Amino acid sequence: MTTHMATIKWNRIKDELFVDNKFSRGHEWIFDSGTVVEASSSPHIVPIPYSVESNVDPEEAFIASVSSCHMLFFLSISAKKGYVIDQYIDKAKGEMGKNSEGHHSIVKVKLYPRAIFSGDKKPTADEIQSIHAQSHRQCFIANSVKSEVEIKLD
């Protein structure tokens, strides 16, 4: 078993009253590598100026995490099969709604992956679909969430 860590750091801005619920939701995610990501609540949830629109919100990070995990398995499986990928792009989307318990949640993540292959050996459409299915089964993040994860190919 491995352990993965992140430090989440928020500080009240000096002049904010806080108890009036009018405070900045801007904060930092600090990863063990030293990488710092500016984060905030989503402006769809907490209005601006209390959300920082240019920062990453947890919902976006969740969707990116699912997509990134899937991609990493897809790249690895493709490499093991002898396929060369020059580029992989996924414009992933998440849908907010109410789950079966009536709580607001990301109820579905849709992946729209597109890989550009080069070289003499290229997979068929069926093989690409098979690699995506394997990637989905092996993805730690997809295996960790209750949301439906759907993969949409061209």
C-alpha atoms as a PDB file:
ATOM      1  CA  MET A   1       0.000   0.000   0.000  1.00  0.00           C
ATOM      2  CA  THR A   2       1.234   3.478  -0.821  1.00  0.00           C
ATOM      3  CA  THR A   3       0.327   6.770   0.780  1.00  0.00           C
ATOM      4  CA  HIS A   4      -0.210   9.950  -1.229  1.00  0.00           C
ATOM      5  CA  MET A   5      -0.346  13.322   0.458  1.00  0.00           C
ATOM      6  CA  ALA A   6      -1.348  16.892  -0.252  1.00  0.00           C
ATOM      7  CA  THR A   7      -1.400  19.858   2.072  1.00  0.00           C
ATOM      8  CA  ILE A   8      -4.375  22.203   1.715  1.00  0.00           C
ATOM      9  CA  LYS A   9      -3.659  25.687   3.073  1.00  0.00           C
ATOM     10  CA  TRP A  10      -6.107  28.558   3.515  1.00  0.00           C
ATOM     11  CA  ASN A  11      -5.596  31.860   5.359  1.00  0.00           C
ATOM     12  CA  ARG A  12      -8.214  34.447   6.202  1.00  0.00           C
ATOM     13  CA  ILE A  13      -7.541  37.775   4.515  1.00  0.00           C
ATOM     14  CA  LYS A  14      -6.846  40.334   7.233  1.00  0.00           C
ATOM     15  CA  ASP A  15      -9.929  42.545   6.830  1.00  0.00           C
ATOM     16  CA  GLU A  16     -12.458  39.769   6.251  1.00  0.00           C
ATOM     17  CA  LEU A  17     -15.034  39.366   9.001  1.00  0.00           C
ATOM     18  CA  PHE A  18     -15.472  35.629   8.210  1.00  0.00           C
ATOM     19  CA  VAL A  19     -18.589  35.042  10.342  1.00  0.00           C
ATOM     20  CA  ASP A  20     -20.658  36.871   7.703  1.00  0.00           C
ATOM     21  CA  ASN A  21     -19.656  34.104   5.239  1.00  0.00           C
ATOM     22  CA  LYS A  22     -18.102  36.757   2.950  1.00  0.00           C
ATOM     23  CA  PHE A  23     -14.553  35.462   2.814  1.00  0.00           C
ATOM     24  CA  SER A  24     -12.238  34.334   0.053  1.00  0.00           C
ATOM     25  CA  ARG A  25     -12.288  30.653  -0.757  1.00  0.00           C
ATOM     26  CA  GLY A  26      -8.889  30.988  -2.450  1.00  0.00           C
ATOM     27  CA  HIS A  27      -6.363  28.516  -1.063  1.00  0.00           C
ATOM     28  CA  GLU A  28      -3.350  26.392  -2.034  1.00  0.00           C
ATOM     29  CA  TRP A  29      -2.789  22.731  -2.712  1.00  0.00           C
ATOM     30  CA  ILE A  30       0.802  21.872  -1.847  1.00  0.00           C
ATOM     31  CA  PHE A  31       2.036  18.518  -3.093  1.00  0.00           C
ATOM     32  CA  ASP A  32       4.913  16.445  -1.766  1.00  0.00           C
ATOM     33  CA  SER A  33       6.964  17.391  -4.865  1.00  0.00           C
ATOM     34  CA  GLY A  34       6.741  21.021  -3.789  1.00  0.00           C
ATOM     35  CA  THR A  35       4.298  21.911  -6.563  1.00  0.00           C
ATOM     36  CA  VAL A  36       1.761  24.495  -5.468  1.00  0.00           C
ATOM     37  CA  VAL A  37      -1.606  24.823  -7.208  1.00  0.00           C
ATOM     38  CA  GLU A  38      -3.805  27.835  -6.593  1.00  0.00           C
ATOM     39  CA  ALA A  39      -7.267  26.528  -5.794  1.00  0.00           C
ATOM     40  CA  SER A  40     -10.684  27.901  -4.911  1.00  0.00           C
ATOM     41  CA  SER A  41     -14.316  26.986  -4.713  1.00  0.00           C
ATOM     42  CA  SER A  42     -16.081  26.957  -8.061  1.00  0.00           C
ATOM     43  CA  PRO A  43     -17.728  30.242  -9.050  1.00  0.00           C
ATOM     44  CA  HIS A  44     -20.725  28.051  -9.935  1.00  0.00           C
ATOM     45  CA  ILE A  45     -21.046  27.194  -6.240  1.00  0.00           C
ATOM     46  CA  VAL A  46     -19.733  30.271  -4.397  1.00  0.00           C
ATOM     47  CA  PRO A  47     -20.105  33.579  -6.244  1.00  0.00           C
ATOM     48  CA  ILE A  48     -17.243  35.866  -7.227  1.00  0.00           C
ATOM     49  CA  PRO A  49     -15.541  37.699  -5.450  1.00  0.00           C
ATOM     50  CA  TYR A  50     -15.502  34.941  -2.811  1.00  0.00           C
ATOM     51  CA  SER A  51     -14.381  32.364  -5.388  1.00  0.00           C
ATOM     52  CA  VAL A  52     -11.253  32.974  -7.428  1.00  0.00           C
ATOM     53  CA  GLU A  53     -12.285  32.251 -11.006  1.00  0.00           C
ATOM     54  CA  SER A  54      -8.731  31.729 -12.310  1.00  0.00           C
ATOM     55  CA  ASN A  55      -7.919  29.074  -9.690  1.00  0.00           C
ATOM     56  CA  VAL A  56      -8.565  25.346 -10.050  1.00  0.00           C
ATOM     57  CA  ASP A  57     -11.679  24.187  -8.211  1.00  0.00           C
ATOM     58  CA  PRO A  58     -12.142  20.738  -6.628  1.00  0.00           C
ATOM     59  CA  GLU A  59     -14.681  19.693  -9.235  1.00  0.00           C
ATOM     60  CA  GLU A  60     -12.275  20.473 -12.092  1.00  0.00           C
ATOM     61  CA  ALA A  61      -9.454  18.690 -10.265  1.00  0.00           C
ATOM     62  CA  PHE A  62     -11.630  15.627  -9.759  1.00  0.00           C
ATOM     63  CA  ILE A  63     -12.449  15.440 -13.463  1.00  0.00           C
ATOM     64  CA  ALA A  64      -8.812  16.047 -14.427  1.00  0.00           C
ATOM     65  CA  SER A  65      -7.715  13.320 -12.018  1.00  0.00           C
ATOM     66  CA  VAL A  66     -10.045  10.745 -13.571  1.00  0.00           C
ATOM     67  CA  SER A  67      -8.931  11.740 -17.087  1.00  0.00           C
ATOM     68  CA  SER A  68      -5.232  11.819 -16.232  1.00  0.00           C
ATOM     69  CA  CYS A  69      -5.322   8.379 -14.609  1.00  0.00           C
ATOM     70  CA  HIS A  70      -7.120   6.915 -17.621  1.00  0.00           C
ATOM     71  CA  MET A  71      -4.620   8.521 -20.003  1.00  0.00           C
ATOM     72  CA  LEU A  72      -1.591   7.220 -18.119  1.00  0.00           C
ATOM     73  CA  PHE A  73      -2.873   3.649 -18.356  1.00  0.00           C
ATOM     74  CA  PHE A  74      -3.792   4.136 -22.025  1.00  0.00           C
ATOM     75  CA  LEU A  75      -0.271   5.354 -22.844  1.00  0.00           C
ATOM     76  CA  SER A  76       1.358   2.497 -20.940  1.00  0.00           C
ATOM     77  CA  ILE A  77      -0.814  -0.233 -22.460  1.00  0.00           C
ATOM     78  CA  SER A  78      -0.310   1.213 -25.949  1.00  0.00           C
ATOM     79  CA  ALA A  79       3.469   1.310 -25.492  1.00  0.00           C
ATOM     80  CA  LYS A  80       3.511  -2.328 -24.325  1.00  0.00           C
ATOM     81  CA  LYS A  81       1.562  -3.279 -27.464  1.00  0.00           C
ATOM     82  CA  GLY A  82       4.125  -1.505 -29.664  1.00  0.00           C
ATOM     83  CA  TYR A  83       1.977   1.480 -30.669  1.00  0.00           C
ATOM     84  CA  VAL A  84       3.589   4.925 -30.819  1.00  0.00           C
ATOM     85  CA  ILE A  85       1.450   7.830 -29.615  1.00  0.00           C
ATOM     86  CA  ASP A  86       2.479  11.373 -30.533  1.00  0.00           C
ATOM     87  CA  GLN A  87      -0.351  13.164 -28.766  1.00  0.00           C
ATOM     88  CA  TYR A  88      -3.250  12.422 -26.452  1.00  0.00           C
ATOM     89  CA  ILE A  89      -5.972  14.965 -25.759  1.00  0.00           C
ATOM     90  CA  ASP A  90      -9.066  14.545 -23.616  1.00  0.00           C
ATOM     91  CA  LYS A  91     -11.601  17.331 -23.142  1.00  0.00           C
ATOM     92  CA  ALA A  92     -13.183  15.654 -20.137  1.00  0.00           C
ATOM     93  CA  LYS A  93     -16.450  16.889 -18.658  1.00  0.00           C
ATOM     94  CA  GLY A  94     -18.196  16.308 -15.365  1.00  0.00           C
ATOM     95  CA  GLU A  95     -21.901  16.555 -14.700  1.00  0.00           C
ATOM     96  CA  MET A  96     -23.183  17.802 -11.365  1.00  0.00           C
ATOM     97  CA  GLY A  97     -26.471  16.489 -10.104  1.00  0.00           C
ATOM     98  CA  LYS A  98     -28.007  14.635  -7.202  1.00  0.00           C
ATOM     99  CA  ASN A  99     -26.831  11.133  -6.443  1.00  0.00           C
ATOM    100  CA  SER A 100     -29.061   8.240  -5.380  1.00  0.00           C
ATOM    101  CA  GLU A 101     -28.978   9.542  -1.799  1.00  0.00           C
ATOM    102  CA  GLY A 102     -30.164  13.001  -2.894  1.00  0.00           C
ATOM    103  CA  HIS A 103     -26.791  14.714  -2.332  1.00  0.00           C
ATOM    104  CA  HIS A 104     -25.174  17.074  -4.817  1.00  0.00           C
ATOM    105  CA  SER A 105     -22.261  15.314  -6.477  1.00  0.00           C
ATOM    106  CA  ILE A 106     -20.481  14.808  -9.738  1.00  0.00           C
ATOM    107  CA  VAL A 107     -22.746  12.056 -11.015  1.00  0.00           C
ATOM    108  CA  LYS A 108     -20.971  11.410 -14.289  1.00  0.00           C
ATOM    109  CA  VAL A 109     -17.563  12.010 -15.803  1.00  0.00           C
ATOM    110  CA  LYS A 110     -17.358  11.837 -19.581  1.00  0.00           C
ATOM    111  CA  LEU A 111     -13.985  11.301 -21.187  1.00  0.00           C
ATOM    112  CA  TYR A 112     -13.479  12.312 -24.811  1.00  0.00           C
ATOM    113  CA  PRO A 113      -9.987  10.917 -25.456  1.00  0.00           C
ATOM    114  CA  ARG A 114      -8.232  11.226 -28.777  1.00  0.00           C
ATOM    115  CA  ALA A 115      -4.835   9.674 -29.410  1.00  0.00           C
ATOM    116  CA  ILE A 116      -2.727  10.411 -32.444  1.00  0.00           C
ATOM    117  CA  PHE A 117      -0.631   7.404 -33.427  1.00  0.00           C
ATOM    118  CA  SER A 118       2.418   7.346 -35.698  1.00  0.00           C
ATOM    119  CA  GLY A 119       4.737   4.735 -37.129  1.00  0.00           C
ATOM    120  CA  ASP A 120       4.023   1.616 -39.129  1.00  0.00           C
ATOM    121  CA  LYS A 121       2.025  -0.207 -36.469  1.00  0.00           C
ATOM    122  CA  LYS A 122      -1.304   1.463 -35.732  1.00  0.00           C
ATOM    123  CA  PRO A 123      -4.235   0.011 -33.801  1.00  0.00           C
ATOM    124  CA  THR A 124      -7.649  -0.639 -35.321  1.00  0.00           C
ATOM    125  CA  ALA A 125     -10.728   1.101 -33.946  1.00  0.00           C
ATOM    126  CA  ASP A 126     -11.591  -2.114 -32.068  1.00  0.00           C
ATOM    127  CA  GLU A 127      -8.098  -2.304 -30.567  1.00  0.00           C
ATOM    128  CA  ILE A 128      -8.304   1.350 -29.436  1.00  0.00           C
ATOM    129  CA  GLN A 129     -11.644   0.600 -27.781  1.00  0.00           C
ATOM    130  CA  SER A 130     -10.105  -2.446 -26.088  1.00  0.00           C
ATOM    131  CA  ILE A 131      -7.172  -0.392 -24.763  1.00  0.00           C
ATOM    132  CA  HIS A 132      -9.614   2.192 -23.388  1.00  0.00           C
ATOM    133  CA  ALA A 133     -11.624  -0.576 -21.690  1.00  0.00           C
ATOM    134  CA  GLN A 134      -8.432  -1.970 -20.109  1.00  0.00           C
ATOM    135  CA  SER A 135      -7.360   1.519 -19.056  1.00  0.00           C
ATOM    136  CA  HIS A 136     -10.713   2.125 -17.404  1.00  0.00           C
ATOM    137  CA  ARG A 137     -10.558  -1.171 -15.485  1.00  0.00           C
ATOM    138  CA  GLN A 138      -7.027  -0.431 -14.276  1.00  0.00           C
ATOM    139  CA  CYS A 139      -7.473   3.256 -13.403  1.00  0.00           C
ATOM    140  CA  PHE A 140      -7.118   3.692  -9.638  1.00  0.00           C
ATOM    141  CA  ILE A 141      -9.155   6.879  -9.608  1.00  0.00           C
ATOM    142  CA  ALA A 142     -12.085   5.482 -11.623  1.00  0.00           C
ATOM    143  CA  ASN A 143     -12.058   2.470  -9.295  1.00  0.00           C
ATOM    144  CA  SER A 144     -12.230   4.822  -6.301  1.00  0.00           C
ATOM    145  CA  VAL A 145     -15.293   6.890  -7.174  1.00  0.00           C
ATOM    146  CA  LYS A 146     -19.042   6.315  -7.164  1.00  0.00           C
ATOM    147  CA  SER A 147     -19.641   8.498 -10.226  1.00  0.00           C
ATOM    148  CA  GLU A 148     -20.239   6.858 -13.535  1.00  0.00           C
ATOM    149  CA  VAL A 149     -17.238   7.256 -15.829  1.00  0.00           C
ATOM    150  CA  GLU A 150     -18.093   7.140 -19.519  1.00  0.00           C
ATOM    151  CA  ILE A 151     -15.584   7.041 -22.384  1.00  0.00           C
ATOM    152  CA  LYS A 152     -16.737   8.630 -25.647  1.00  0.00           C
ATOM    153  CA  LEU A 153     -14.670   7.852 -28.742  1.00  0.00           C
ATOM    154  CA  ASP A 154     -15.059   9.464 -32.160  1.00  0.00           C
END
